Amino acid sequence: RTAEQRAAQRRRELLDAADRVVLRDGPGASMNAI
């Protein structure tokens, strides 16, 4: 359960990073930039 919670938290952090790139780059947001 702890491992799953950490994985879920890490996924949220990565989505937060993706959101920041999308807000900056829009449709041009790339996997490299994220």
PDB file of all heavy atoms in Angstrom:
ATOM      1  N   ARG A   1       0.834  -1.201   0.000  1.00  0.00           N
ATOM      2  CA  ARG A   1       0.000   0.000   0.000  1.00  0.00           C
ATOM      3  C   ARG A   1       0.872   1.255   0.000  1.00  0.00           C
ATOM      4  O   ARG A   1       0.583   2.224  -0.694  1.00  0.00           O
ATOM      5  CB  ARG A   1      -0.932  -0.001   1.211  1.00  0.00           C
ATOM      6  CG  ARG A   1      -1.915   1.166   1.222  1.00  0.00           C
ATOM      7  CD  ARG A   1      -3.079   0.919   2.162  1.00  0.00           C
ATOM      8  NE  ARG A   1      -2.640   0.595   3.510  1.00  0.00           N
ATOM      9  CZ  ARG A   1      -2.761  -0.604   4.064  1.00  0.00           C
ATOM     10  NH1 ARG A   1      -3.284  -1.610   3.389  1.00  0.00           N
ATOM     11  NH2 ARG A   1      -2.358  -0.815   5.315  1.00  0.00           N
ATOM     12  N   THR A   2       1.958   1.226   0.771  1.00  0.00           N
ATOM     13  CA  THR A   2       2.878   2.365   0.807  1.00  0.00           C
ATOM     14  C   THR A   2       3.519   2.586  -0.557  1.00  0.00           C
ATOM     15  O   THR A   2       3.651   3.724  -1.015  1.00  0.00           O
ATOM     16  CB  THR A   2       3.976   2.142   1.867  1.00  0.00           C
ATOM     17  OG1 THR A   2       3.358   1.986   3.147  1.00  0.00           O
ATOM     18  CG2 THR A   2       4.940   3.313   1.898  1.00  0.00           C
ATOM     19  N   ALA A   3       3.915   1.496  -1.218  1.00  0.00           N
ATOM     20  CA  ALA A   3       4.519   1.602  -2.546  1.00  0.00           C
ATOM     21  C   ALA A   3       3.522   2.175  -3.550  1.00  0.00           C
ATOM     22  O   ALA A   3       3.880   3.007  -4.397  1.00  0.00           O
ATOM     23  CB  ALA A   3       5.010   0.235  -3.009  1.00  0.00           C
ATOM     24  N   GLU A   4       2.268   1.746  -3.439  1.00  0.00           N
ATOM     25  CA  GLU A   4       1.235   2.252  -4.350  1.00  0.00           C
ATOM     26  C   GLU A   4       0.975   3.729  -4.106  1.00  0.00           C
ATOM     27  O   GLU A   4       0.771   4.501  -5.048  1.00  0.00           O
ATOM     28  CB  GLU A   4      -0.059   1.448  -4.171  1.00  0.00           C
ATOM     29  CG  GLU A   4       0.039   0.020  -4.693  1.00  0.00           C
ATOM     30  CD  GLU A   4      -1.194  -0.803  -4.345  1.00  0.00           C
ATOM     31  OE1 GLU A   4      -2.031  -0.305  -3.542  1.00  0.00           O
ATOM     32  OE2 GLU A   4      -1.311  -1.933  -4.863  1.00  0.00           O
ATOM     33  N   GLN A   5       0.990   4.141  -2.844  1.00  0.00           N
ATOM     34  CA  GLN A   5       0.781   5.547  -2.515  1.00  0.00           C
ATOM     35  C   GLN A   5       1.927   6.401  -3.053  1.00  0.00           C
ATOM     36  O   GLN A   5       1.697   7.505  -3.570  1.00  0.00           O
ATOM     37  CB  GLN A   5       0.653   5.725  -0.999  1.00  0.00           C
ATOM     38  CG  GLN A   5      -0.640   5.158  -0.431  1.00  0.00           C
ATOM     39  CD  GLN A   5      -0.646   5.143   1.088  1.00  0.00           C
ATOM     40  OE1 GLN A   5       0.386   5.284   1.744  1.00  0.00           O
ATOM     41  NE2 GLN A   5      -1.831   4.966   1.664  1.00  0.00           N
ATOM     42  N   ARG A   6       3.140   5.888  -2.944  1.00  0.00           N
ATOM     43  CA  ARG A   6       4.295   6.625  -3.468  1.00  0.00           C
ATOM     44  C   ARG A   6       4.227   6.736  -4.978  1.00  0.00           C
ATOM     45  O   ARG A   6       4.534   7.793  -5.548  1.00  0.00           O
ATOM     46  CB  ARG A   6       5.597   5.931  -3.043  1.00  0.00           C
ATOM     47  CG  ARG A   6       5.953   6.093  -1.570  1.00  0.00           C
ATOM     48  CD  ARG A   6       7.181   5.301  -1.216  1.00  0.00           C
ATOM     49  NE  ARG A   6       7.540   5.465   0.175  1.00  0.00           N
ATOM     50  CZ  ARG A   6       8.434   4.715   0.817  1.00  0.00           C
ATOM     51  NH1 ARG A   6       9.062   3.737   0.166  1.00  0.00           N
ATOM     52  NH2 ARG A   6       8.708   4.941   2.098  1.00  0.00           N
ATOM     53  N   ALA A   7       3.817   5.647  -5.632  1.00  0.00           N
ATOM     54  CA  ALA A   7       3.694   5.663  -7.090  1.00  0.00           C
ATOM     55  C   ALA A   7       2.624   6.658  -7.523  1.00  0.00           C
ATOM     56  O   ALA A   7       2.799   7.402  -8.498  1.00  0.00           O
ATOM     57  CB  ALA A   7       3.373   4.270  -7.615  1.00  0.00           C
ATOM     58  N   ALA A   8       1.502   6.689  -6.790  1.00  0.00           N
ATOM     59  CA  ALA A   8       0.427   7.620  -7.118  1.00  0.00           C
ATOM     60  C   ALA A   8       0.880   9.063  -6.911  1.00  0.00           C
ATOM     61  O   ALA A   8       0.572   9.950  -7.717  1.00  0.00           O
ATOM     62  CB  ALA A   8      -0.804   7.330  -6.266  1.00  0.00           C
ATOM     63  N   GLN A   9       1.629   9.303  -5.840  1.00  0.00           N
ATOM     64  CA  GLN A   9       2.148  10.640  -5.571  1.00  0.00           C
ATOM     65  C   GLN A   9       3.123  11.065  -6.665  1.00  0.00           C
ATOM     66  O   GLN A   9       3.085  12.205  -7.143  1.00  0.00           O
ATOM     67  CB  GLN A   9       2.834  10.679  -4.204  1.00  0.00           C
ATOM     68  CG  GLN A   9       3.522  12.000  -3.876  1.00  0.00           C
ATOM     69  CD  GLN A   9       2.567  13.167  -3.804  1.00  0.00           C
ATOM     70  OE1 GLN A   9       1.390  12.988  -3.466  1.00  0.00           O
ATOM     71  NE2 GLN A   9       3.044  14.360  -4.133  1.00  0.00           N
ATOM     72  N   ARG A  10       3.988  10.137  -7.075  1.00  0.00           N
ATOM     73  CA  ARG A  10       4.955  10.456  -8.126  1.00  0.00           C
ATOM     74  C   ARG A  10       4.241  10.759  -9.433  1.00  0.00           C
ATOM     75  O   ARG A  10       4.614  11.682 -10.164  1.00  0.00           O
ATOM     76  CB  ARG A  10       5.925   9.275  -8.320  1.00  0.00           C
ATOM     77  CG  ARG A  10       7.034   9.533  -9.322  1.00  0.00           C
ATOM     78  CD  ARG A  10       7.820  10.757  -8.948  1.00  0.00           C
ATOM     79  NE  ARG A  10       8.999  10.933  -9.790  1.00  0.00           N
ATOM     80  CZ  ARG A  10       9.549  12.117 -10.036  1.00  0.00           C
ATOM     81  NH1 ARG A  10       9.017  13.224  -9.521  1.00  0.00           N
ATOM     82  NH2 ARG A  10      10.625  12.218 -10.788  1.00  0.00           N
ATOM     83  N   ARG A  11       3.189  10.013  -9.719  1.00  0.00           N
ATOM     84  CA  ARG A  11       2.414  10.244 -10.938  1.00  0.00           C
ATOM     85  C   ARG A  11       1.768  11.634 -10.909  1.00  0.00           C
ATOM     86  O   ARG A  11       1.768  12.341 -11.906  1.00  0.00           O
ATOM     87  CB  ARG A  11       1.352   9.151 -11.076  1.00  0.00           C
ATOM     88  CG  ARG A  11       0.579   9.176 -12.383  1.00  0.00           C
ATOM     89  CD  ARG A  11      -0.402   8.014 -12.401  1.00  0.00           C
ATOM     90  NE  ARG A  11      -1.288   8.044 -13.538  1.00  0.00           N
ATOM     91  CZ  ARG A  11      -1.025   7.492 -14.714  1.00  0.00           C
ATOM     92  NH1 ARG A  11       0.121   6.861 -14.911  1.00  0.00           N
ATOM     93  NH2 ARG A  11      -1.897   7.564 -15.706  1.00  0.00           N
ATOM     94  N   ARG A  12       1.237  12.019  -9.745  1.00  0.00           N
ATOM     95  CA  ARG A  12       0.659  13.361  -9.616  1.00  0.00           C
ATOM     96  C   ARG A  12       1.711  14.437  -9.837  1.00  0.00           C
ATOM     97  O   ARG A  12       1.445  15.461 -10.488  1.00  0.00           O
ATOM     98  CB  ARG A  12       0.008  13.534  -8.233  1.00  0.00           C
ATOM     99  CG  ARG A  12      -1.324  12.813  -8.084  1.00  0.00           C
ATOM    100  CD  ARG A  12      -2.054  13.274  -6.826  1.00  0.00           C
ATOM    101  NE  ARG A  12      -1.335  12.897  -5.615  1.00  0.00           N
ATOM    102  CZ  ARG A  12      -1.503  11.746  -4.978  1.00  0.00           C
ATOM    103  NH1 ARG A  12      -2.340  10.844  -5.447  1.00  0.00           N
ATOM    104  NH2 ARG A  12      -0.831  11.481  -3.875  1.00  0.00           N
ATOM    105  N   GLU A  13       2.906  14.214  -9.316  1.00  0.00           N
ATOM    106  CA  GLU A  13       3.988  15.186  -9.496  1.00  0.00           C
ATOM    107  C   GLU A  13       4.362  15.326 -10.972  1.00  0.00           C
ATOM    108  O   GLU A  13       4.616  16.437 -11.461  1.00  0.00           O
ATOM    109  CB  GLU A  13       5.204  14.758  -8.679  1.00  0.00           C
ATOM    110  CG  GLU A  13       4.999  14.870  -7.172  1.00  0.00           C
ATOM    111  CD  GLU A  13       6.116  14.210  -6.384  1.00  0.00           C
ATOM    112  OE1 GLU A  13       6.997  13.574  -7.020  1.00  0.00           O
ATOM    113  OE2 GLU A  13       6.109  14.305  -5.143  1.00  0.00           O
ATOM    114  N   LEU A  14       4.397  14.200 -11.677  1.00  0.00           N
ATOM    115  CA  LEU A  14       4.716  14.245 -13.105  1.00  0.00           C
ATOM    116  C   LEU A  14       3.609  14.935 -13.889  1.00  0.00           C
ATOM    117  O   LEU A  14       3.887  15.686 -14.836  1.00  0.00           O
ATOM    118  CB  LEU A  14       4.956  12.828 -13.636  1.00  0.00           C
ATOM    119  CG  LEU A  14       6.179  12.108 -13.067  1.00  0.00           C
ATOM    120  CD1 LEU A  14       6.254  10.677 -13.602  1.00  0.00           C
ATOM    121  CD2 LEU A  14       7.468  12.857 -13.416  1.00  0.00           C
ATOM    122  N   LEU A  15       2.362  14.707 -13.505  1.00  0.00           N
ATOM    123  CA  LEU A  15       1.252  15.394 -14.168  1.00  0.00           C
ATOM    124  C   LEU A  15       1.282  16.889 -13.869  1.00  0.00           C
ATOM    125  O   LEU A  15       0.953  17.711 -14.742  1.00  0.00           O
ATOM    126  CB  LEU A  15      -0.081  14.796 -13.735  1.00  0.00           C
ATOM    127  CG  LEU A  15      -0.405  13.416 -14.308  1.00  0.00           C
ATOM    128  CD1 LEU A  15      -1.692  12.868 -13.683  1.00  0.00           C
ATOM    129  CD2 LEU A  15      -0.542  13.465 -15.828  1.00  0.00           C
ATOM    130  N   ASP A  16       1.690  17.263 -12.660  1.00  0.00           N
ATOM    131  CA  ASP A  16       1.846  18.688 -12.338  1.00  0.00           C
ATOM    132  C   ASP A  16       2.903  19.316 -13.249  1.00  0.00           C
ATOM    133  O   ASP A  16       2.719  20.438 -13.743  1.00  0.00           O
ATOM    134  CB  ASP A  16       2.256  18.861 -10.876  1.00  0.00           C
ATOM    135  CG  ASP A  16       1.128  18.554  -9.896  1.00  0.00           C
ATOM    136  OD1 ASP A  16      -0.039  18.524 -10.329  1.00  0.00           O
ATOM    137  OD2 ASP A  16       1.431  18.327  -8.709  1.00  0.00           O
ATOM    138  N   ALA A  17       4.008  18.599 -13.448  1.00  0.00           N
ATOM    139  CA  ALA A  17       5.060  19.101 -14.334  1.00  0.00           C
ATOM    140  C   ALA A  17       4.550  19.224 -15.761  1.00  0.00           C
ATOM    141  O   ALA A  17       4.820  20.215 -16.453  1.00  0.00           O
ATOM    142  CB  ALA A  17       6.280  18.173 -14.285  1.00  0.00           C
ATOM    143  N   ALA A  18       3.794  18.219 -16.200  1.00  0.00           N
ATOM    144  CA  ALA A  18       3.216  18.259 -17.548  1.00  0.00           C
ATOM    145  C   ALA A  18       2.272  19.445 -17.689  1.00  0.00           C
ATOM    146  O   ALA A  18       2.261  20.134 -18.721  1.00  0.00           O
ATOM    147  CB  ALA A  18       2.494  16.955 -17.850  1.00  0.00           C
ATOM    148  N   ASP A  19       1.468  19.699 -16.664  1.00  0.00           N
ATOM    149  CA  ASP A  19       0.550  20.845 -16.690  1.00  0.00           C
ATOM    150  C   ASP A  19       1.314  22.158 -16.867  1.00  0.00           C
ATOM    151  O   ASP A  19       0.889  23.038 -17.619  1.00  0.00           O
ATOM    152  CB  ASP A  19      -0.263  20.903 -15.395  1.00  0.00           C
ATOM    153  CG  ASP A  19      -1.657  20.325 -15.554  1.00  0.00           C
ATOM    154  OD1 ASP A  19      -2.159  20.275 -16.693  1.00  0.00           O
ATOM    155  OD2 ASP A  19      -2.245  19.923 -14.543  1.00  0.00           O
ATOM    156  N   ARG A  20       2.433  22.286 -16.168  1.00  0.00           N
ATOM    157  CA  ARG A  20       3.203  23.527 -16.271  1.00  0.00           C
ATOM    158  C   ARG A  20       3.722  23.722 -17.697  1.00  0.00           C
ATOM    159  O   ARG A  20       3.721  24.839 -18.224  1.00  0.00           O
ATOM    160  CB  ARG A  20       4.365  23.516 -15.274  1.00  0.00           C
ATOM    161  CG  ARG A  20       3.904  23.595 -13.813  1.00  0.00           C
ATOM    162  CD  ARG A  20       5.062  23.891 -12.875  1.00  0.00           C
ATOM    163  NE  ARG A  20       6.062  22.826 -12.830  1.00  0.00           N
ATOM    164  CZ  ARG A  20       6.016  21.785 -11.997  1.00  0.00           C
ATOM    165  NH1 ARG A  20       4.987  21.648 -11.157  1.00  0.00           N
ATOM    166  NH2 ARG A  20       6.977  20.879 -12.000  1.00  0.00           N
ATOM    167  N   VAL A  21       4.179  22.640 -18.309  1.00  0.00           N
ATOM    168  CA  VAL A  21       4.686  22.733 -19.680  1.00  0.00           C
ATOM    169  C   VAL A  21       3.550  23.036 -20.648  1.00  0.00           C
ATOM    170  O   VAL A  21       3.700  23.848 -21.567  1.00  0.00           O
ATOM    171  CB  VAL A  21       5.422  21.437 -20.081  1.00  0.00           C
ATOM    172  CG1 VAL A  21       5.833  21.473 -21.550  1.00  0.00           C
ATOM    173  CG2 VAL A  21       6.648  21.234 -19.198  1.00  0.00           C
ATOM    174  N   VAL A  22       2.410  22.400 -20.451  1.00  0.00           N
ATOM    175  CA  VAL A  22       1.257  22.642 -21.331  1.00  0.00           C
ATOM    176  C   VAL A  22       0.805  24.096 -21.218  1.00  0.00           C
ATOM    177  O   VAL A  22       0.478  24.733 -22.227  1.00  0.00           O
ATOM    178  CB  VAL A  22       0.108  21.675 -20.992  1.00  0.00           C
ATOM    179  CG1 VAL A  22      -1.173  22.094 -21.710  1.00  0.00           C
ATOM    180  CG2 VAL A  22       0.485  20.251 -21.385  1.00  0.00           C
ATOM    181  N   LEU A  23       0.787  24.640 -20.004  1.00  0.00           N
ATOM    182  CA  LEU A  23       0.406  26.044 -19.828  1.00  0.00           C
ATOM    183  C   LEU A  23       1.375  26.970 -20.559  1.00  0.00           C
ATOM    184  O   LEU A  23       0.984  28.036 -21.036  1.00  0.00           O
ATOM    185  CB  LEU A  23       0.371  26.394 -18.341  1.00  0.00           C
ATOM    186  CG  LEU A  23      -0.848  25.895 -17.565  1.00  0.00           C
ATOM    187  CD1 LEU A  23      -0.662  26.116 -16.073  1.00  0.00           C
ATOM    188  CD2 LEU A  23      -2.108  26.612 -18.034  1.00  0.00           C
ATOM    189  N   ARG A  24       2.613  26.556 -20.670  1.00  0.00           N
ATOM    190  CA  ARG A  24       3.623  27.373 -21.358  1.00  0.00           C
ATOM    191  C   ARG A  24       3.617  27.153 -22.860  1.00  0.00           C
ATOM    192  O   ARG A  24       3.674  28.095 -23.645  1.00  0.00           O
ATOM    193  CB  ARG A  24       5.009  27.037 -20.788  1.00  0.00           C
ATOM    194  CG  ARG A  24       6.138  27.899 -21.331  1.00  0.00           C
ATOM    195  CD  ARG A  24       7.476  27.393 -20.839  1.00  0.00           C
ATOM    196  NE  ARG A  24       7.843  26.117 -21.466  1.00  0.00           N
ATOM    197  CZ  ARG A  24       8.449  25.118 -20.830  1.00  0.00           C
ATOM    198  NH1 ARG A  24       8.718  25.214 -19.541  1.00  0.00           N
ATOM    199  NH2 ARG A  24       8.767  24.020 -21.473  1.00  0.00           N
ATOM    200  N   ASP A  25       3.524  25.884 -23.285  1.00  0.00           N
ATOM    201  CA  ASP A  25       3.740  25.537 -24.698  1.00  0.00           C
ATOM    202  C   ASP A  25       2.479  25.144 -25.450  1.00  0.00           C
ATOM    203  O   ASP A  25       2.512  25.024 -26.678  1.00  0.00           O
ATOM    204  CB  ASP A  25       4.748  24.376 -24.804  1.00  0.00           C
ATOM    205  CG  ASP A  25       6.106  24.736 -24.226  1.00  0.00           C
ATOM    206  OD1 ASP A  25       6.378  25.942 -24.068  1.00  0.00           O
ATOM    207  OD2 ASP A  25       6.883  23.813 -23.928  1.00  0.00           O
ATOM    208  N   GLY A  26       1.376  24.905 -24.736  1.00  0.00           N
ATOM    209  CA  GLY A  26       0.142  24.513 -25.408  1.00  0.00           C
ATOM    210  C   GLY A  26       0.292  23.210 -26.162  1.00  0.00           C
ATOM    211  O   GLY A  26       0.942  22.261 -25.682  1.00  0.00           O
ATOM    212  N   PRO A  27      -0.287  23.129 -27.368  1.00  0.00           N
ATOM    213  CA  PRO A  27      -0.234  21.877 -28.143  1.00  0.00           C
ATOM    214  C   PRO A  27       1.182  21.444 -28.503  1.00  0.00           C
ATOM    215  O   PRO A  27       1.405  20.288 -28.836  1.00  0.00           O
ATOM    216  CB  PRO A  27      -1.029  22.213 -29.414  1.00  0.00           C
ATOM    217  CG  PRO A  27      -1.893  23.354 -29.029  1.00  0.00           C
ATOM    218  CD  PRO A  27      -1.111  24.145 -28.035  1.00  0.00           C
ATOM    219  N   GLY A  28       2.129  22.370 -28.431  1.00  0.00           N
ATOM    220  CA  GLY A  28       3.509  22.021 -28.756  1.00  0.00           C
ATOM    221  C   GLY A  28       4.271  21.374 -27.613  1.00  0.00           C
ATOM    222  O   GLY A  28       5.459  21.068 -27.752  1.00  0.00           O
ATOM    223  N   ALA A  29       3.613  21.144 -26.483  1.00  0.00           N
ATOM    224  CA  ALA A  29       4.280  20.513 -25.339  1.00  0.00           C
ATOM    225  C   ALA A  29       4.829  19.146 -25.745  1.00  0.00           C
ATOM    226  O   ALA A  29       4.112  18.315 -26.274  1.00  0.00           O
ATOM    227  CB  ALA A  29       3.309  20.364 -24.177  1.00  0.00           C
ATOM    228  N   SER A  30       6.112  18.932 -25.492  1.00  0.00           N
ATOM    229  CA  SER A  30       6.758  17.683 -25.905  1.00  0.00           C
ATOM    230  C   SER A  30       7.124  16.835 -24.705  1.00  0.00           C
ATOM    231  O   SER A  30       7.224  17.324 -23.570  1.00  0.00           O
ATOM    232  CB  SER A  30       8.034  17.989 -26.701  1.00  0.00           C
ATOM    233  OG  SER A  30       9.013  18.564 -25.846  1.00  0.00           O
ATOM    234  N   MET A  31       7.327  15.560 -24.949  1.00  0.00           N
ATOM    235  CA  MET A  31       7.762  14.660 -23.884  1.00  0.00           C
ATOM    236  C   MET A  31       9.136  15.089 -23.357  1.00  0.00           C
ATOM    237  O   MET A  31       9.400  15.001 -22.159  1.00  0.00           O
ATOM    238  CB  MET A  31       7.803  13.219 -24.390  1.00  0.00           C
ATOM    239  CG  MET A  31       6.440  12.664 -24.794  1.00  0.00           C
ATOM    240  SD  MET A  31       5.317  12.437 -23.392  1.00  0.00           S
ATOM    241  CE  MET A  31       5.790  10.795 -22.823  1.00  0.00           C
ATOM    242  N   ASN A  32      10.000  15.568 -24.235  1.00  0.00           N
ATOM    243  CA  ASN A  32      11.322  16.035 -23.799  1.00  0.00           C
ATOM    244  C   ASN A  32      11.192  17.197 -22.817  1.00  0.00           C
ATOM    245  O   ASN A  32      11.864  17.233 -21.776  1.00  0.00           O
ATOM    246  CB  ASN A  32      12.154  16.479 -25.008  1.00  0.00           C
ATOM    247  CG  ASN A  32      12.723  15.304 -25.784  1.00  0.00           C
ATOM    248  OD1 ASN A  32      13.016  14.253 -25.213  1.00  0.00           O
ATOM    249  ND2 ASN A  32      12.870  15.460 -27.092  1.00  0.00           N
ATOM    250  N   ALA A  33      10.337  18.164 -23.164  1.00  0.00           N
ATOM    251  CA  ALA A  33      10.171  19.326 -22.302  1.00  0.00           C
ATOM    252  C   ALA A  33       9.544  18.934 -20.967  1.00  0.00           C
ATOM    253  O   ALA A  33       9.923  19.466 -19.910  1.00  0.00           O
ATOM    254  CB  ALA A  33       9.314  20.372 -23.005  1.00  0.00           C
ATOM    255  N   ILE A  34       8.584  18.024 -20.996  1.00  0.00           N
ATOM    256  CA  ILE A  34       7.926  17.595 -19.761  1.00  0.00           C
ATOM    257  C   ILE A  34       8.904  16.836 -18.874  1.00  0.00           C
ATOM    258  O   ILE A  34       8.944  17.041 -17.650  1.00  0.00           O
ATOM    259  CB  ILE A  34       6.686  16.742 -20.093  1.00  0.00           C
ATOM    260  CG1 ILE A  34       5.610  17.614 -20.759  1.00  0.00           C
ATOM    261  CG2 ILE A  34       6.132  16.068 -18.833  1.00  0.00           C
ATOM    262  CD1 ILE A  34       4.485  16.840 -21.400  1.00  0.00           C
TER     263      ILE A  34
END
